[in-house]
Amino acid sequence: MTGTKKWTTEITITEVGREVTAEARLRGENSGSLVGYGSAICKVTDANVPAIGDELAAARAFSDLSHQLLHNAAEDIEAHTRQPVDHLRG
């Protein structure tokens, strides 16, 4: 297998009041897309630093997305090998 493939990730961050939500969308050249979601809430007692909420929500959205990719890879391995996949390690 040689060549280069391009996957594009787009993150959308929305802030409403003290809550930030993020949506991480991954698109492949020849496939559909996966969407990961994350959020962060700034407590009333916390200093309001929007950049921190953005970072937390985005990190959580990317984490959700990575879990989906691992799940899909495990399903593909099982379909190909007809063997159960217990754990995928990086």
Protein backbone atom coordinates (compact mmCIF):
# COMPACT_ATOMS: atom_id res chain seq x y z
CA MET A 1 0.00 0.00 0.00
CA THR A 2 1.64 3.21 -1.17
CA GLY A 3 0.38 6.68 -1.76
CA THR A 4 -0.97 9.60 0.14
CA LYS A 5 -4.45 10.00 1.49
CA LYS A 6 -5.95 13.21 2.76
CA TRP A 7 -8.44 13.39 5.61
CA THR A 8 -9.77 16.78 6.63
CA THR A 9 -10.87 17.74 10.11
CA GLU A 10 -13.02 20.77 10.80
CA ILE A 11 -13.83 21.94 14.30
CA THR A 12 -16.77 24.21 15.05
CA ILE A 13 -16.89 25.85 18.47
CA THR A 14 -20.03 27.49 19.81
CA GLU A 15 -20.22 29.51 23.00
CA VAL A 16 -23.55 30.22 24.70
CA GLY A 17 -23.30 31.88 28.07
CA ARG A 18 -20.83 29.88 30.16
CA GLU A 19 -21.09 26.70 28.05
CA VAL A 20 -18.90 25.87 25.07
CA THR A 21 -19.67 23.05 22.65
CA ALA A 22 -17.41 21.71 19.94
CA GLU A 23 -18.07 19.56 16.92
CA ALA A 24 -15.11 17.85 15.22
CA ARG A 25 -15.97 16.60 11.74
CA LEU A 26 -13.61 14.21 9.93
CA ARG A 27 -13.97 13.70 6.19
CA GLY A 28 -12.03 11.22 4.09
CA GLU A 29 -11.54 11.41 0.33
CA ASN A 30 -13.65 8.34 -0.46
CA SER A 31 -15.77 7.93 2.63
CA GLY A 32 -18.45 9.63 4.64
CA SER A 33 -17.75 11.65 7.70
CA LEU A 34 -17.56 11.06 11.42
CA VAL A 35 -18.53 13.68 13.97
CA GLY A 36 -17.21 13.94 17.53
CA TYR A 37 -18.79 16.13 20.19
CA GLY A 38 -17.41 17.79 23.29
CA SER A 39 -18.39 20.48 25.76
CA ALA A 40 -17.10 22.52 28.66
CA ILE A 41 -18.91 24.60 31.25
CA CYS A 42 -17.38 27.50 33.12
CA LYS A 43 -18.56 27.44 36.71
CA VAL A 44 -19.70 30.71 38.25
CA THR A 45 -16.75 30.55 40.66
CA ASP A 46 -14.20 30.07 37.82
CA ALA A 47 -12.50 32.93 36.02
CA ASN A 48 -14.12 33.34 32.61
CA VAL A 49 -11.29 32.55 30.17
CA PRO A 50 -13.00 31.62 26.88
CA ALA A 51 -9.84 30.11 25.35
CA ILE A 52 -9.74 27.45 28.07
CA GLY A 53 -13.34 26.42 27.40
CA ASP A 54 -12.59 26.26 23.68
CA GLU A 55 -9.57 24.02 24.30
CA LEU A 56 -11.45 21.68 26.63
CA ALA A 57 -14.48 21.35 24.36
CA ALA A 58 -12.29 20.80 21.28
CA ALA A 59 -10.13 18.21 23.07
CA ARG A 60 -13.26 16.34 24.17
CA ALA A 61 -14.68 16.44 20.63
CA PHE A 62 -11.41 15.05 19.23
CA SER A 63 -11.37 12.39 21.94
CA ASP A 64 -14.90 11.34 20.99
CA LEU A 65 -13.85 11.25 17.34
CA SER A 66 -10.78 9.11 18.10
CA HIS A 67 -12.91 6.62 20.04
CA GLN A 68 -15.23 6.32 17.05
CA LEU A 69 -12.26 5.69 14.75
CA LEU A 70 -10.94 2.96 17.05
CA HIS A 71 -14.39 1.38 17.22
CA ASN A 72 -14.71 1.43 13.41
CA ALA A 73 -11.21 -0.04 13.00
CA ALA A 74 -12.05 -2.86 15.43
CA GLU A 75 -15.24 -3.64 13.52
CA ASP A 76 -13.32 -3.66 10.22
CA ILE A 77 -10.62 -5.96 11.65
CA GLU A 78 -13.26 -8.35 12.98
CA ALA A 79 -15.07 -8.38 9.64
CA HIS A 80 -11.81 -9.06 7.79
CA THR A 81 -10.32 -11.66 10.15
CA ARG A 82 -13.55 -13.09 11.59
CA GLN A 83 -11.80 -12.91 14.98
CA PRO A 84 -12.87 -10.76 17.94
CA VAL A 85 -10.79 -7.71 18.76
CA ASP A 86 -10.37 -7.22 22.49
CA HIS A 87 -8.20 -4.10 22.53
CA LEU A 88 -6.58 -1.79 20.04
CA ARG A 89 -3.32 -0.36 21.27
CA GLY A 90 -1.44 2.59 19.86
